[in-house]
């Protein structure tokens, strides 16, 4: 268990592979190319909120989201398999890549879904899912996203503190490589309507849009 909750070093991480894993070409629900090309002017966000099956479904249902994909990011091992990430020896997090139209949905609105959709105070776990691969994370792609992510964290921490909840452990750092997960993980809960969904929020409202801007 300690190996699963302790991030590896470059010396202890699994080697991975240079070749990307086979995956879906088209989103199972939205019918759009998983890897692009995407319309000009659209933006990308990357979030880790625990098991990526349920997380992806949260985002693909939002108006203004063009396409979503599940994958691995934030770690060391290139192109890891799902089984490898579960060992905790890749450093990767289960994440969802969200491509969105900023004219229809803002990054701040995505952040609100992020904070309210899981418990960001649990460290290397999310509910019964234990390990570094389930840690809460925001991987920003530019300085504007960084500023908004940090402002939203501070606003949500205030709300959590007022509700008697714990301290946010969410990792907020610049995005590195995003590795697409295997095809059977893409759109998983649409392909498997009775499949496992282990995420759940705190019940505390994120104040973005309620007199607070991120």
Protein backbone atom coordinates (compact mmCIF):
# COMPACT_ATOMS: atom_id res chain seq x y z
CA UNK A 1 0.00 0.00 0.00
CA UNK A 2 2.84 2.42 0.79
CA UNK A 3 4.17 1.99 -2.75
CA UNK A 4 0.81 3.03 -4.12
CA UNK A 5 0.65 6.21 -2.04
CA UNK A 6 4.30 7.30 -2.41
CA UNK A 7 5.37 8.94 -5.64
CA UNK A 8 8.29 7.21 -7.38
CA UNK A 9 11.58 8.80 -8.36
CA UNK A 10 13.07 8.60 -11.85
CA UNK A 11 15.20 5.71 -10.54
CA UNK A 12 12.25 3.72 -9.17
CA UNK A 13 9.59 4.49 -11.78
CA UNK A 14 8.58 1.91 -14.36
CA UNK A 15 10.22 2.43 -17.79
CA UNK A 16 7.04 2.56 -19.87
CA UNK A 17 7.34 2.69 -23.65
CA UNK A 18 7.88 5.08 -26.53
CA UNK A 19 4.81 3.94 -28.47
CA UNK A 20 1.36 5.32 -27.50
CA UNK A 21 -1.25 2.80 -26.40
CA UNK A 22 -4.01 1.94 -28.89
CA UNK A 23 -7.15 3.91 -28.09
CA UNK A 24 -10.47 5.03 -29.58
CA UNK A 25 -10.33 7.37 -32.55
CA UNK A 26 -13.78 8.91 -31.98
CA UNK A 27 -15.53 9.81 -28.73
CA UNK A 28 -18.13 7.15 -27.99
CA UNK A 29 -20.78 9.69 -26.88
CA UNK A 30 -19.91 12.95 -28.63
CA UNK A 31 -18.83 11.45 -31.95
CA UNK A 32 -15.84 13.78 -32.33
CA UNK A 33 -12.18 12.95 -32.95
CA UNK A 34 -10.57 12.06 -29.64
CA UNK A 35 -7.18 13.47 -30.63
CA UNK A 36 -8.37 16.29 -32.86
CA UNK A 37 -8.15 18.32 -34.88
CA UNK A 38 -10.31 20.58 -32.74
CA UNK A 39 -11.97 23.82 -33.85
CA UNK A 40 -9.82 26.93 -33.86
CA UNK A 41 -10.06 28.96 -30.66
CA UNK A 42 -11.08 26.03 -28.48
CA UNK A 43 -9.11 25.45 -25.26
CA UNK A 44 -7.97 22.45 -23.24
CA UNK A 45 -8.12 21.69 -19.51
CA UNK A 46 -6.77 18.68 -17.60
CA UNK A 47 -8.23 17.50 -14.27
CA UNK A 48 -7.62 14.59 -11.90
CA UNK A 49 -10.49 13.77 -9.54
CA UNK A 50 -10.14 10.07 -8.79
CA UNK A 51 -11.33 7.21 -11.01
CA UNK A 52 -11.50 8.77 -14.46
CA UNK A 53 -14.59 6.84 -15.60
CA UNK A 54 -17.03 8.93 -13.58
CA UNK A 55 -15.00 12.11 -13.96
CA UNK A 56 -15.16 11.97 -17.74
CA UNK A 57 -18.94 11.59 -17.67
CA UNK A 58 -19.26 14.72 -15.51
CA UNK A 59 -17.48 16.78 -18.14
CA UNK A 60 -18.87 15.36 -21.38
CA UNK A 61 -22.39 16.32 -20.24
CA UNK A 62 -21.53 20.03 -19.87
CA UNK A 63 -22.76 22.39 -22.63
CA UNK A 64 -19.77 23.89 -24.40
CA UNK A 65 -17.52 20.86 -23.92
CA UNK A 66 -16.40 19.69 -27.37
CA UNK A 67 -14.72 16.39 -26.49
CA UNK A 68 -13.25 14.59 -23.50
CA UNK A 69 -10.63 11.87 -23.18
CA UNK A 70 -9.28 9.88 -20.25
CA UNK A 71 -5.60 9.33 -19.77
CA UNK A 72 -2.59 9.58 -17.54
CA UNK A 73 -0.55 12.66 -16.61
CA UNK A 74 1.55 14.23 -13.88
CA UNK A 75 4.05 11.41 -13.57
CA UNK A 76 7.25 9.91 -14.94
CA UNK A 77 6.51 6.73 -16.90
CA UNK A 78 5.75 7.43 -20.58
CA UNK A 79 2.71 5.78 -22.18
CA UNK A 80 1.84 3.68 -19.11
CA UNK A 81 -0.78 0.97 -19.14
CA UNK A 82 -3.68 1.03 -16.70
CA UNK A 83 -2.17 -1.92 -14.84
CA UNK A 84 1.14 -0.08 -14.49
CA UNK A 85 -0.48 3.06 -13.10
CA UNK A 86 -2.31 0.98 -10.50
CA UNK A 87 1.03 -0.10 -9.00
CA UNK A 88 1.83 3.50 -8.04
CA UNK A 89 5.20 3.16 -9.77
CA UNK A 90 4.51 5.50 -12.69
CA UNK A 91 3.73 8.70 -10.78
CA UNK A 92 0.85 9.25 -13.20
CA UNK A 93 -2.61 10.39 -12.18
CA UNK A 94 -5.86 9.29 -13.78
CA UNK A 95 -7.02 12.45 -15.54
CA UNK A 96 -9.58 13.75 -18.00
CA UNK A 97 -8.60 16.04 -20.85
CA UNK A 98 -11.41 18.48 -21.63
CA UNK A 99 -11.55 20.41 -24.91
CA UNK A 100 -14.06 23.23 -24.65
CA UNK A 101 -15.46 26.26 -26.41
CA UNK A 102 -14.64 29.28 -24.19
CA UNK A 103 -17.48 31.22 -25.81
CA UNK A 104 -19.95 28.72 -24.34
CA UNK A 105 -18.32 27.57 -21.10
CA UNK A 106 -15.50 29.21 -19.17
CA UNK A 107 -12.51 27.66 -17.49
CA UNK A 108 -13.91 28.98 -14.20
CA UNK A 109 -17.12 27.00 -14.77
CA UNK A 110 -15.06 23.88 -15.39
CA UNK A 111 -13.20 24.55 -12.14
CA UNK A 112 -16.52 24.75 -10.29
CA UNK A 113 -17.44 21.31 -11.65
CA UNK A 114 -14.01 20.06 -10.63
CA UNK A 115 -14.19 21.23 -7.02
CA UNK A 116 -17.80 20.17 -6.43
CA UNK A 117 -17.41 16.81 -8.18
CA UNK A 118 -14.99 15.19 -5.73
CA UNK A 119 -13.40 15.57 -2.30
CA UNK A 120 -10.12 17.45 -2.80
CA UNK A 121 -8.97 16.97 0.82
CA UNK A 122 -8.12 13.26 0.74
CA UNK A 123 -4.49 13.20 -0.38
CA UNK A 124 -3.53 10.03 -2.23
CA UNK A 125 -7.03 8.65 -2.50
CA UNK A 126 -10.60 9.34 -3.50
CA UNK A 127 -13.11 7.52 -1.35
CA UNK A 128 -12.35 3.80 -1.37
CA UNK A 129 -9.89 4.21 -4.25
CA UNK A 130 -6.46 4.44 -2.65
CA UNK A 131 -3.21 5.35 -4.37
CA UNK A 132 -1.34 8.21 -6.00
CA UNK A 133 -3.16 7.58 -9.28
CA UNK A 134 -6.36 8.84 -7.62
CA UNK A 135 -4.94 12.09 -6.25
CA UNK A 136 -6.68 15.39 -6.92
CA UNK A 137 -4.90 17.48 -9.55
CA UNK A 138 -5.23 20.46 -11.86
CA UNK A 139 -2.66 20.57 -14.64
CA UNK A 140 -2.72 24.06 -16.10
CA UNK A 141 -1.65 24.87 -19.66
CA UNK A 142 -0.88 28.57 -19.28
CA UNK A 143 -0.43 31.25 -16.66
CA UNK A 144 -4.05 32.38 -16.87
CA UNK A 145 -5.26 28.87 -16.04
CA UNK A 146 -2.75 28.73 -13.18
CA UNK A 147 -4.03 32.00 -11.69
CA UNK A 148 -7.67 30.93 -12.00
CA UNK A 149 -6.98 27.49 -10.54
CA UNK A 150 -5.19 28.94 -7.52
CA UNK A 151 -7.87 31.57 -6.95
CA UNK A 152 -10.59 28.94 -7.13
CA UNK A 153 -8.69 26.74 -4.68
CA UNK A 154 -8.48 29.57 -2.18
CA UNK A 155 -12.18 30.35 -2.58
CA UNK A 156 -13.16 26.72 -2.15
CA UNK A 157 -10.87 26.27 0.84
CA UNK A 158 -12.67 29.11 2.55
CA UNK A 159 -16.02 27.42 1.86
CA UNK A 160 -14.71 24.06 3.09
CA UNK A 161 -13.29 25.61 6.27
CA UNK A 162 -16.61 27.31 6.99
CA UNK A 163 -18.28 23.92 6.59
CA UNK A 164 -15.86 22.25 9.00
CA UNK A 165 -14.06 20.29 6.31
CA UNK A 166 -10.34 19.64 5.87
CA UNK A 167 -7.48 21.18 3.93
CA UNK A 168 -7.26 20.91 0.14
CA UNK A 169 -4.46 18.63 -1.05
CA UNK A 170 -4.99 19.23 -4.78
CA UNK A 171 -1.82 19.32 -6.87
CA UNK A 172 -1.76 22.42 -9.09
CA UNK A 173 1.13 22.36 -11.52
CA UNK A 174 1.96 22.96 -15.18
CA UNK A 175 0.76 20.23 -17.47
CA UNK A 176 3.28 17.76 -18.79
CA UNK A 177 2.59 15.05 -21.36
CA UNK A 178 -0.94 13.64 -21.54
CA UNK A 179 -1.03 9.95 -22.42
CA UNK A 180 -4.32 8.61 -23.78
CA UNK A 181 -5.67 5.63 -21.86
CA UNK A 182 -6.61 2.37 -23.55
CA UNK A 183 -9.72 2.33 -25.72
CA UNK A 184 -11.90 0.43 -23.26
CA UNK A 185 -11.52 3.26 -20.73
CA UNK A 186 -12.73 5.96 -23.14
CA UNK A 187 -16.42 6.78 -22.56
CA UNK A 188 -16.48 3.88 -20.12
CA UNK A 189 -19.75 4.65 -18.35
CA UNK A 190 -21.56 5.09 -21.66
CA UNK A 191 -20.23 1.75 -22.87
CA UNK A 192 -20.97 0.19 -19.47
CA UNK A 193 -24.00 2.02 -17.98
CA UNK A 194 -23.86 -0.05 -14.78
CA UNK A 195 -20.11 0.36 -14.41
CA UNK A 196 -18.29 1.51 -11.30
CA UNK A 197 -18.31 5.22 -10.49
CA UNK A 198 -16.39 5.94 -7.30
CA UNK A 199 -16.41 9.73 -7.22
CA UNK A 200 -18.51 11.94 -5.01
CA UNK A 201 -18.35 15.52 -3.80
CA UNK A 202 -18.29 17.05 -0.33
CA UNK A 203 -21.68 18.70 -0.71
CA UNK A 204 -20.00 22.08 -0.22
CA UNK A 205 -20.79 24.59 -2.97
CA UNK A 206 -17.83 26.20 -4.71
CA UNK A 207 -18.53 29.95 -4.60
CA UNK A 208 -17.36 30.64 -8.18
CA UNK A 209 -20.18 32.61 -9.78
CA UNK A 210 -21.60 33.58 -6.40
CA UNK A 211 -19.80 36.86 -6.00
CA UNK A 212 -16.44 35.13 -6.56
CA UNK A 213 -14.51 35.03 -9.82
CA UNK A 214 -11.74 32.57 -10.60
